[in-house]
Amino acid sequence: MEAGSDAQLMEWVQKGDRQAFAAIVDRYKERLVAYLTRLCGNGAQAEDLAQETFLKLYLKAANYDERQKLGGYLYKMATHLAFDHHRRNARRRLLSHFMPAKVSVTLEGNPQRAAELSETQQRIKSAIDALSMKFRIPLVLHDMEGMTQAEIAKITGQKIGTIKSRLSRARASLRSELADLVEA
């Protein structure tokens, strides 16, 4: 199948074209799983939530409005599923993988530096884990996924002013919690 625009692919999906749906999954799976992994802190859980997101997209394809950006639509569904999952599993700590899995700094032969970096990553992870979901979601979408505040507002159903405020409060909380790291 020739890769079409998102709107064209969704039009084909609405007509029952499974290859078009597979093309959408291929196009968005990696980004969606990466986002959900950062949000949930668990790769397997992120895979499950991404799969659930795509299933929901397929089942509700008839409801898709072509005026929406498909990427934002998927992120919105994924965000809601992740938030629901978080509510169901309130005792689990989320967002365990804030830092990238691969570090570009060469640490071979420097166990002290490796230990320091690991401790720093753990401190950052803990500080982000301490944020409530209402602050964590905009932070991850903006600072890690590179979305604009307007896109986040659309995904979360919040006003842009609310998103700005939550980003500001999340960052202030992190600055306060990690003040000694920022100074160093």
N, C-alpha and C. Protein backbone atom coordinates (compact mmCIF):
# COMPACT_ATOMS: atom_id res chain seq x y z
N MET A 1 0.84 -1.18 0.00
CA MET A 1 0.00 0.00 0.00
C MET A 1 0.89 1.24 0.00
N GLU A 2 0.53 2.20 -0.77
CA GLU A 2 1.24 3.47 -0.82
C GLU A 2 0.89 4.26 0.45
N ALA A 3 1.91 4.81 1.08
CA ALA A 3 1.67 5.57 2.30
C ALA A 3 0.97 6.88 1.96
N GLY A 4 -0.19 7.10 2.52
CA GLY A 4 -0.94 8.32 2.28
C GLY A 4 -0.85 9.24 3.47
N SER A 5 -1.56 10.34 3.39
CA SER A 5 -1.63 11.26 4.53
C SER A 5 -2.43 10.57 5.63
N ASP A 6 -2.32 11.10 6.83
CA ASP A 6 -3.09 10.55 7.95
C ASP A 6 -4.59 10.58 7.64
N ALA A 7 -5.05 11.68 7.08
CA ALA A 7 -6.48 11.81 6.76
C ALA A 7 -6.90 10.75 5.74
N GLN A 8 -6.07 10.54 4.73
CA GLN A 8 -6.39 9.53 3.71
C GLN A 8 -6.40 8.14 4.32
N LEU A 9 -5.41 7.85 5.14
CA LEU A 9 -5.36 6.52 5.79
C LEU A 9 -6.58 6.30 6.67
N MET A 10 -6.98 7.32 7.43
CA MET A 10 -8.15 7.17 8.30
C MET A 10 -9.42 7.00 7.47
N GLU A 11 -9.48 7.65 6.33
CA GLU A 11 -10.64 7.47 5.45
C GLU A 11 -10.71 6.01 4.99
N TRP A 12 -9.56 5.46 4.66
CA TRP A 12 -9.52 4.05 4.24
C TRP A 12 -9.86 3.11 5.40
N VAL A 13 -9.37 3.45 6.61
CA VAL A 13 -9.68 2.63 7.78
C VAL A 13 -11.19 2.64 8.02
N GLN A 14 -11.82 3.80 7.86
CA GLN A 14 -13.27 3.90 8.06
C GLN A 14 -14.04 3.04 7.07
N LYS A 15 -13.40 2.74 5.94
CA LYS A 15 -14.02 1.86 4.94
C LYS A 15 -13.63 0.40 5.15
N GLY A 16 -12.88 0.13 6.25
CA GLY A 16 -12.53 -1.25 6.57
C GLY A 16 -11.20 -1.74 6.04
N ASP A 17 -10.35 -0.85 5.57
CA ASP A 17 -9.05 -1.23 5.02
C ASP A 17 -8.06 -1.51 6.15
N ARG A 18 -7.73 -2.77 6.35
CA ARG A 18 -6.82 -3.16 7.43
C ARG A 18 -5.38 -2.78 7.13
N GLN A 19 -5.01 -2.74 5.86
CA GLN A 19 -3.65 -2.32 5.51
C GLN A 19 -3.43 -0.84 5.86
N ALA A 20 -4.44 -0.05 5.69
CA ALA A 20 -4.35 1.36 6.05
C ALA A 20 -4.17 1.50 7.56
N PHE A 21 -4.91 0.67 8.30
CA PHE A 21 -4.76 0.70 9.76
C PHE A 21 -3.35 0.26 10.15
N ALA A 22 -2.83 -0.77 9.51
CA ALA A 22 -1.46 -1.23 9.79
C ALA A 22 -0.46 -0.12 9.49
N ALA A 23 -0.70 0.65 8.45
CA ALA A 23 0.19 1.77 8.10
C ALA A 23 0.17 2.83 9.20
N ILE A 24 -0.99 3.08 9.78
CA ILE A 24 -1.11 4.05 10.88
C ILE A 24 -0.34 3.54 12.09
N VAL A 25 -0.53 2.27 12.40
CA VAL A 25 0.18 1.68 13.54
C VAL A 25 1.69 1.79 13.31
N ASP A 26 2.15 1.45 12.11
CA ASP A 26 3.58 1.56 11.80
C ASP A 26 4.07 2.99 11.95
N ARG A 27 3.26 3.93 11.57
CA ARG A 27 3.65 5.35 11.58
C ARG A 27 3.75 5.90 13.01
N TYR A 28 2.89 5.45 13.91
CA TYR A 28 2.80 6.07 15.23
C TYR A 28 3.23 5.19 16.40
N LYS A 29 3.43 3.91 16.18
CA LYS A 29 3.69 3.01 17.30
C LYS A 29 4.90 3.40 18.13
N GLU A 30 6.03 3.63 17.50
CA GLU A 30 7.25 3.93 18.25
C GLU A 30 7.11 5.18 19.10
N ARG A 31 6.58 6.24 18.51
CA ARG A 31 6.42 7.49 19.27
C ARG A 31 5.44 7.33 20.41
N LEU A 32 4.34 6.63 20.16
CA LEU A 32 3.33 6.44 21.19
C LEU A 32 3.86 5.58 22.34
N VAL A 33 4.57 4.52 22.00
CA VAL A 33 5.14 3.66 23.04
C VAL A 33 6.19 4.43 23.84
N ALA A 34 7.01 5.23 23.16
CA ALA A 34 8.02 6.03 23.87
C ALA A 34 7.35 7.01 24.83
N TYR A 35 6.31 7.68 24.37
CA TYR A 35 5.57 8.61 25.23
C TYR A 35 4.98 7.88 26.43
N LEU A 36 4.31 6.77 26.17
CA LEU A 36 3.68 6.03 27.26
C LEU A 36 4.71 5.44 28.22
N THR A 37 5.87 5.06 27.70
CA THR A 37 6.93 4.55 28.57
C THR A 37 7.40 5.64 29.51
N ARG A 38 7.58 6.82 28.98
CA ARG A 38 7.99 7.94 29.82
C ARG A 38 6.91 8.29 30.84
N LEU A 39 5.69 8.19 30.43
CA LEU A 39 4.58 8.54 31.30
C LEU A 39 4.37 7.48 32.38
N CYS A 40 4.45 6.21 31.99
CA CYS A 40 4.14 5.10 32.89
C CYS A 40 5.36 4.51 33.57
N GLY A 41 6.51 4.63 32.92
CA GLY A 41 7.72 4.09 33.50
C GLY A 41 7.91 2.59 33.31
N ASN A 42 7.13 2.00 32.45
CA ASN A 42 7.21 0.56 32.26
C ASN A 42 6.98 0.26 30.78
N GLY A 43 7.99 -0.31 30.14
CA GLY A 43 7.90 -0.58 28.71
C GLY A 43 6.79 -1.54 28.34
N ALA A 44 6.65 -2.61 29.11
CA ALA A 44 5.60 -3.59 28.81
C ALA A 44 4.22 -2.98 28.99
N GLN A 45 4.07 -2.19 30.03
CA GLN A 45 2.80 -1.52 30.28
C GLN A 45 2.51 -0.51 29.16
N ALA A 46 3.55 0.18 28.73
CA ALA A 46 3.40 1.14 27.63
C ALA A 46 2.96 0.44 26.35
N GLU A 47 3.55 -0.72 26.07
CA GLU A 47 3.15 -1.50 24.89
C GLU A 47 1.68 -1.87 24.98
N ASP A 48 1.25 -2.31 26.16
CA ASP A 48 -0.16 -2.69 26.35
C ASP A 48 -1.08 -1.49 26.15
N LEU A 49 -0.71 -0.34 26.72
CA LEU A 49 -1.53 0.85 26.57
C LEU A 49 -1.55 1.34 25.13
N ALA A 50 -0.42 1.24 24.44
CA ALA A 50 -0.38 1.63 23.02
C ALA A 50 -1.29 0.71 22.21
N GLN A 51 -1.21 -0.57 22.48
CA GLN A 51 -2.08 -1.53 21.78
C GLN A 51 -3.55 -1.21 22.05
N GLU A 52 -3.86 -0.89 23.29
CA GLU A 52 -5.23 -0.53 23.65
C GLU A 52 -5.66 0.75 22.94
N THR A 53 -4.73 1.69 22.80
CA THR A 53 -5.01 2.94 22.09
C THR A 53 -5.35 2.66 20.63
N PHE A 54 -4.54 1.84 19.98
CA PHE A 54 -4.79 1.52 18.57
C PHE A 54 -6.08 0.73 18.40
N LEU A 55 -6.37 -0.16 19.33
CA LEU A 55 -7.63 -0.90 19.27
C LEU A 55 -8.81 0.06 19.39
N LYS A 56 -8.69 1.00 20.31
CA LYS A 56 -9.75 1.99 20.49
C LYS A 56 -9.91 2.84 19.21
N LEU A 57 -8.80 3.21 18.59
CA LEU A 57 -8.85 3.96 17.34
C LEU A 57 -9.59 3.16 16.27
N TYR A 58 -9.26 1.88 16.16
CA TYR A 58 -9.88 1.04 15.14
C TYR A 58 -11.38 0.90 15.38
N LEU A 59 -11.74 0.65 16.64
CA LEU A 59 -13.15 0.45 16.97
C LEU A 59 -13.98 1.72 16.84
N LYS A 60 -13.33 2.87 17.02
CA LYS A 60 -14.04 4.15 16.95
C LYS A 60 -13.65 4.95 15.72
N ALA A 61 -13.16 4.28 14.70
CA ALA A 61 -12.72 4.97 13.48
C ALA A 61 -13.84 5.80 12.87
N ALA A 62 -15.06 5.33 12.95
CA ALA A 62 -16.18 6.06 12.37
C ALA A 62 -16.39 7.42 13.05
N ASN A 63 -15.94 7.54 14.30
CA ASN A 63 -16.10 8.80 15.04
C ASN A 63 -14.99 9.80 14.77
N TYR A 64 -13.96 9.38 14.06
CA TYR A 64 -12.81 10.27 13.81
C TYR A 64 -13.22 11.41 12.90
N ASP A 65 -12.86 12.61 13.31
CA ASP A 65 -13.13 13.82 12.53
C ASP A 65 -11.85 14.21 11.81
N GLU A 66 -11.88 14.21 10.50
CA GLU A 66 -10.68 14.45 9.69
C GLU A 66 -10.06 15.83 9.92
N ARG A 67 -10.76 16.73 10.59
CA ARG A 67 -10.20 18.04 10.89
C ARG A 67 -9.18 17.98 12.02
N GLN A 68 -9.21 16.89 12.79
CA GLN A 68 -8.25 16.70 13.88
C GLN A 68 -6.95 16.13 13.32
N LYS A 69 -5.85 16.43 13.98
CA LYS A 69 -4.59 15.79 13.62
C LYS A 69 -4.59 14.42 14.26
N LEU A 70 -4.29 13.41 13.47
CA LEU A 70 -4.33 12.04 13.97
C LEU A 70 -3.36 11.84 15.13
N GLY A 71 -2.17 12.42 15.04
CA GLY A 71 -1.20 12.27 16.12
C GLY A 71 -1.75 12.79 17.44
N GLY A 72 -2.32 13.97 17.43
CA GLY A 72 -2.91 14.53 18.64
C GLY A 72 -4.06 13.70 19.16
N TYR A 73 -4.86 13.18 18.25
CA TYR A 73 -5.99 12.33 18.59
C TYR A 73 -5.50 11.06 19.31
N LEU A 74 -4.43 10.46 18.78
CA LEU A 74 -3.86 9.25 19.40
C LEU A 74 -3.27 9.57 20.78
N TYR A 75 -2.52 10.68 20.87
CA TYR A 75 -1.95 11.06 22.15
C TYR A 75 -3.04 11.32 23.19
N LYS A 76 -4.12 11.92 22.75
CA LYS A 76 -5.23 12.19 23.67
C LYS A 76 -5.82 10.89 24.20
N MET A 77 -6.07 9.93 23.30
CA MET A 77 -6.59 8.64 23.73
C MET A 77 -5.61 7.94 24.67
N ALA A 78 -4.33 7.96 24.29
CA ALA A 78 -3.31 7.30 25.10
C ALA A 78 -3.19 7.95 26.48
N THR A 79 -3.28 9.27 26.52
CA THR A 79 -3.19 10.00 27.78
C THR A 79 -4.35 9.61 28.69
N HIS A 80 -5.53 9.56 28.14
CA HIS A 80 -6.71 9.17 28.94
C HIS A 80 -6.58 7.73 29.44
N LEU A 81 -6.11 6.83 28.59
CA LEU A 81 -5.94 5.44 29.01
C LEU A 81 -4.88 5.34 30.11
N ALA A 82 -3.79 6.09 29.97
CA ALA A 82 -2.74 6.07 30.99
C ALA A 82 -3.25 6.64 32.30
N PHE A 83 -4.01 7.72 32.22
CA PHE A 83 -4.55 8.34 33.43
C PHE A 83 -5.52 7.37 34.12
N ASP A 84 -6.36 6.71 33.35
CA ASP A 84 -7.28 5.73 33.92
C ASP A 84 -6.52 4.58 34.57
N HIS A 85 -5.46 4.14 33.90
CA HIS A 85 -4.63 3.06 34.44
C HIS A 85 -4.00 3.51 35.77
N HIS A 86 -3.54 4.74 35.79
CA HIS A 86 -2.93 5.28 37.01
C HIS A 86 -3.93 5.30 38.16
N ARG A 87 -5.13 5.71 37.89
CA ARG A 87 -6.15 5.74 38.92
C ARG A 87 -6.45 4.35 39.45
N ARG A 88 -6.49 3.37 38.54
CA ARG A 88 -6.77 1.99 38.96
C ARG A 88 -5.61 1.41 39.78
N ASN A 89 -4.43 1.88 39.52
CA ASN A 89 -3.23 1.34 40.18
C ASN A 89 -2.49 2.45 40.93
N ALA A 90 -3.19 3.12 41.81
CA ALA A 90 -2.64 4.31 42.47
C ALA A 90 -1.37 4.02 43.26
N ARG A 91 -1.18 2.82 43.71
CA ARG A 91 0.01 2.51 44.50
C ARG A 91 1.27 2.40 43.68
N ARG A 92 1.10 2.19 42.38
CA ARG A 92 2.29 2.06 41.52
C ARG A 92 2.89 3.43 41.27
N ARG A 93 4.15 3.48 41.30
CA ARG A 93 4.84 4.73 40.97
C ARG A 93 5.07 4.76 39.47
N LEU A 94 4.72 5.89 38.86
CA LEU A 94 4.82 6.01 37.42
C LEU A 94 6.02 6.86 37.02
N LEU A 95 6.29 6.85 35.75
CA LEU A 95 7.33 7.65 35.13
C LEU A 95 8.72 7.28 35.61
N SER A 96 9.05 5.98 35.57
CA SER A 96 10.33 5.54 36.09
C SER A 96 11.48 5.75 35.10
N HIS A 97 11.17 6.06 33.86
CA HIS A 97 12.25 6.21 32.88
C HIS A 97 12.29 7.62 32.31
N PHE A 98 12.57 8.58 33.16
CA PHE A 98 12.64 9.96 32.68
C PHE A 98 13.88 10.17 31.83
N MET A 99 14.97 9.65 32.30
CA MET A 99 16.22 9.83 31.57
C MET A 99 16.27 8.84 30.40
N PRO A 100 16.93 9.21 29.33
CA PRO A 100 17.06 8.29 28.21
C PRO A 100 17.78 7.02 28.64
N ALA A 101 17.45 5.92 28.00
CA ALA A 101 18.05 4.64 28.34
C ALA A 101 19.54 4.63 28.04
N LYS A 102 19.95 5.28 26.97
CA LYS A 102 21.35 5.31 26.59
C LYS A 102 21.91 6.69 26.92
N VAL A 103 23.04 6.69 27.56
CA VAL A 103 23.71 7.93 27.91
C VAL A 103 24.88 8.10 26.97
N SER A 104 24.99 9.29 26.40
CA SER A 104 26.02 9.51 25.39
C SER A 104 27.42 9.66 25.99
N VAL A 105 27.50 9.85 27.32
CA VAL A 105 28.79 10.01 27.96
C VAL A 105 29.44 8.64 28.11
N THR A 106 30.70 8.55 27.77
CA THR A 106 31.43 7.29 27.92
C THR A 106 31.80 7.12 29.38
N LEU A 107 31.35 6.02 29.98
CA LEU A 107 31.58 5.79 31.40
C LEU A 107 32.50 4.60 31.64
N GLU A 108 32.95 3.96 30.59
CA GLU A 108 33.85 2.82 30.76
C GLU A 108 35.11 3.27 31.46
N GLY A 109 35.53 2.51 32.46
CA GLY A 109 36.74 2.84 33.19
C GLY A 109 36.55 3.94 34.22
N ASN A 110 35.31 4.38 34.43
CA ASN A 110 35.05 5.43 35.41
C ASN A 110 33.84 5.04 36.26
N PRO A 111 34.02 4.07 37.14
CA PRO A 111 32.89 3.60 37.95
C PRO A 111 32.31 4.67 38.88
N GLN A 112 33.15 5.60 39.34
CA GLN A 112 32.65 6.66 40.20
C GLN A 112 31.68 7.56 39.44
N ARG A 113 32.03 7.93 38.20
CA ARG A 113 31.16 8.77 37.38
C ARG A 113 29.86 8.02 37.04
N ALA A 114 29.98 6.73 36.76
CA ALA A 114 28.78 5.92 36.47
C ALA A 114 27.85 5.88 37.68
N ALA A 115 28.41 5.74 38.87
CA ALA A 115 27.60 5.70 40.09
C ALA A 115 26.93 7.05 40.32
N GLU A 116 27.68 8.15 40.09
CA GLU A 116 27.11 9.49 40.25
C GLU A 116 25.96 9.72 39.28
N LEU A 117 26.16 9.31 38.03
CA LEU A 117 25.11 9.48 37.03
C LEU A 117 23.88 8.67 37.38
N SER A 118 24.08 7.45 37.84
CA SER A 118 22.96 6.60 38.23
C SER A 118 22.20 7.23 39.40
N GLU A 119 22.93 7.78 40.36
CA GLU A 119 22.29 8.43 41.49
C GLU A 119 21.51 9.67 41.04
N THR A 120 22.09 10.43 40.12
CA THR A 120 21.41 11.62 39.59
C THR A 120 20.13 11.23 38.87
N GLN A 121 20.21 10.21 38.04
CA GLN A 121 19.02 9.74 37.32
C GLN A 121 17.94 9.31 38.30
N GLN A 122 18.34 8.61 39.35
CA GLN A 122 17.37 8.15 40.35
C GLN A 122 16.73 9.33 41.08
N ARG A 123 17.51 10.35 41.37
CA ARG A 123 16.97 11.54 42.03
C ARG A 123 15.96 12.25 41.13
N ILE A 124 16.30 12.37 39.84
CA ILE A 124 15.39 13.02 38.89
C ILE A 124 14.11 12.20 38.76
N LYS A 125 14.27 10.91 38.62
CA LYS A 125 13.11 10.01 38.52
C LYS A 125 12.21 10.15 39.74
N SER A 126 12.79 10.14 40.91
CA SER A 126 12.01 10.25 42.15
C SER A 126 11.28 11.59 42.24
N ALA A 127 11.96 12.66 41.82
CA ALA A 127 11.32 13.98 41.86
C ALA A 127 10.14 14.04 40.90
N ILE A 128 10.28 13.45 39.74
CA ILE A 128 9.18 13.45 38.77
C ILE A 128 8.07 12.51 39.23
N ASP A 129 8.45 11.38 39.81
CA ASP A 129 7.45 10.45 40.34
C ASP A 129 6.58 11.11 41.40
N ALA A 130 7.16 12.06 42.12
CA ALA A 130 6.42 12.72 43.19
C ALA A 130 5.37 13.70 42.66
N LEU A 131 5.49 14.10 41.38
CA LEU A 131 4.50 15.00 40.78
C LEU A 131 3.18 14.26 40.57
N SER A 132 2.08 14.95 40.78
CA SER A 132 0.79 14.33 40.47
C SER A 132 0.65 14.25 38.94
N MET A 133 -0.24 13.41 38.48
CA MET A 133 -0.43 13.21 37.04
C MET A 133 -0.81 14.51 36.35
N LYS A 134 -1.55 15.38 37.01
CA LYS A 134 -1.99 16.61 36.34
C LYS A 134 -0.80 17.51 36.02
N PHE A 135 0.30 17.36 36.73
CA PHE A 135 1.52 18.12 36.43
C PHE A 135 2.48 17.30 35.57
N ARG A 136 2.50 16.01 35.79
CA ARG A 136 3.42 15.13 35.08
C ARG A 136 3.08 15.04 33.59
N ILE A 137 1.80 14.94 33.25
CA ILE A 137 1.40 14.78 31.85
C ILE A 137 1.86 15.97 31.00
N PRO A 138 1.55 17.22 31.38
CA PRO A 138 2.04 18.33 30.55
C PRO A 138 3.56 18.40 30.48
N LEU A 139 4.23 18.07 31.59
CA LEU A 139 5.69 18.11 31.62
C LEU A 139 6.27 17.12 30.62
N VAL A 140 5.78 15.90 30.63
CA VAL A 140 6.29 14.88 29.71
C VAL A 140 5.95 15.23 28.27
N LEU A 141 4.71 15.65 28.01
CA LEU A 141 4.32 15.99 26.64
C LEU A 141 5.13 17.17 26.10
N HIS A 142 5.36 18.17 26.91
CA HIS A 142 6.07 19.37 26.45
C HIS A 142 7.57 19.17 26.41
N ASP A 143 8.15 18.80 27.54
CA ASP A 143 9.60 18.78 27.65
C ASP A 143 10.24 17.52 27.06
N MET A 144 9.51 16.45 26.96
CA MET A 144 10.09 15.22 26.44
C MET A 144 9.57 14.85 25.06
N GLU A 145 8.31 15.13 24.81
CA GLU A 145 7.72 14.80 23.51
C GLU A 145 7.78 15.99 22.56
N GLY A 146 8.11 17.16 23.06
CA GLY A 146 8.28 18.33 22.21
C GLY A 146 6.99 18.95 21.69
N MET A 147 5.90 18.70 22.37
CA MET A 147 4.62 19.26 21.92
C MET A 147 4.47 20.70 22.39
N THR A 148 3.69 21.46 21.66
CA THR A 148 3.41 22.83 22.05
C THR A 148 2.35 22.83 23.15
N GLN A 149 2.26 23.95 23.83
CA GLN A 149 1.25 24.08 24.87
C GLN A 149 -0.16 23.97 24.28
N ALA A 150 -0.35 24.48 23.09
CA ALA A 150 -1.67 24.39 22.43
C ALA A 150 -2.02 22.93 22.13
N GLU A 151 -1.04 22.15 21.67
CA GLU A 151 -1.29 20.74 21.40
C GLU A 151 -1.63 19.99 22.68
N ILE A 152 -0.93 20.32 23.75
CA ILE A 152 -1.18 19.66 25.04
C ILE A 152 -2.58 20.03 25.55
N ALA A 153 -2.96 21.28 25.38
CA ALA A 153 -4.29 21.72 25.80
C ALA A 153 -5.37 20.92 25.06
N LYS A 154 -5.16 20.71 23.78
CA LYS A 154 -6.12 19.96 22.98
C LYS A 154 -6.18 18.49 23.43
N ILE A 155 -5.01 17.90 23.69
CA ILE A 155 -4.95 16.50 24.11
C ILE A 155 -5.60 16.29 25.46
N THR A 156 -5.32 17.19 26.40
CA THR A 156 -5.82 17.01 27.77
C THR A 156 -7.21 17.60 28.00
N GLY A 157 -7.67 18.43 27.06
CA GLY A 157 -8.97 19.07 27.23
C GLY A 157 -8.92 20.24 28.22
N GLN A 158 -7.72 20.72 28.49
CA GLN A 158 -7.54 21.84 29.41
C GLN A 158 -7.33 23.13 28.62
N LYS A 159 -7.51 24.26 29.29
CA LYS A 159 -7.23 25.55 28.67
C LYS A 159 -5.71 25.74 28.62
N ILE A 160 -5.25 26.52 27.64
CA ILE A 160 -3.82 26.74 27.48
C ILE A 160 -3.22 27.40 28.73
N GLY A 161 -3.97 28.27 29.38
CA GLY A 161 -3.50 28.90 30.62
C GLY A 161 -3.27 27.88 31.72
N THR A 162 -4.13 26.87 31.77
CA THR A 162 -3.97 25.80 32.75
C THR A 162 -2.70 25.02 32.46
N ILE A 163 -2.45 24.74 31.19
CA ILE A 163 -1.24 24.01 30.80
C ILE A 163 0.00 24.81 31.18
N LYS A 164 0.01 26.11 30.87
CA LYS A 164 1.15 26.97 31.23
C LYS A 164 1.39 26.94 32.73
N SER A 165 0.32 27.06 33.48
CA SER A 165 0.42 27.06 34.94
C SER A 165 0.96 25.73 35.46
N ARG A 166 0.45 24.64 34.93
CA ARG A 166 0.89 23.32 35.40
C ARG A 166 2.34 23.05 35.02
N LEU A 167 2.75 23.48 33.84
CA LEU A 167 4.16 23.35 33.45
C LEU A 167 5.04 24.15 34.40
N SER A 168 4.63 25.36 34.68
CA SER A 168 5.40 26.23 35.57
C SER A 168 5.51 25.61 36.97
N ARG A 169 4.40 25.12 37.49
CA ARG A 169 4.41 24.53 38.83
C ARG A 169 5.22 23.23 38.86
N ALA A 170 5.14 22.43 37.81
CA ALA A 170 5.92 21.19 37.75
C ALA A 170 7.41 21.51 37.74
N ARG A 171 7.80 22.48 36.94
CA ARG A 171 9.21 22.86 36.86
C ARG A 171 9.69 23.46 38.17
N ALA A 172 8.86 24.29 38.80
CA ALA A 172 9.24 24.89 40.08
C ALA A 172 9.44 23.80 41.14
N SER A 173 8.56 22.82 41.12
CA SER A 173 8.67 21.71 42.06
C SER A 173 9.97 20.94 41.83
N LEU A 174 10.28 20.68 40.56
CA LEU A 174 11.52 19.97 40.25
C LEU A 174 12.74 20.79 40.63
N ARG A 175 12.70 22.09 40.34
CA ARG A 175 13.84 22.96 40.71
C ARG A 175 14.06 22.94 42.22
N SER A 176 12.98 23.00 42.96
CA SER A 176 13.07 22.99 44.42
C SER A 176 13.63 21.66 44.92
N GLU A 177 13.09 20.59 44.40
CA GLU A 177 13.49 19.25 44.83
C GLU A 177 14.93 18.92 44.42
N LEU A 178 15.36 19.46 43.30
CA LEU A 178 16.68 19.13 42.75
C LEU A 178 17.64 20.32 42.79
N ALA A 179 17.42 21.24 43.72
CA ALA A 179 18.21 22.47 43.78
C ALA A 179 19.70 22.19 43.86
N ASP A 180 20.10 21.20 44.65
CA ASP A 180 21.52 20.90 44.76
C ASP A 180 22.12 20.38 43.46
N LEU A 181 21.33 19.68 42.65
CA LEU A 181 21.81 19.21 41.35
C LEU A 181 21.94 20.36 40.36
N VAL A 182 20.99 21.30 40.42
CA VAL A 182 21.00 22.44 39.52
C VAL A 182 22.22 23.31 39.81
N GLU A 183 22.54 23.50 41.08
CA GLU A 183 23.70 24.31 41.45
C GLU A 183 25.00 23.67 41.00
N ALA A 184 25.06 22.35 41.10
CA ALA A 184 26.27 21.62 40.68
C ALA A 184 26.39 21.66 39.18
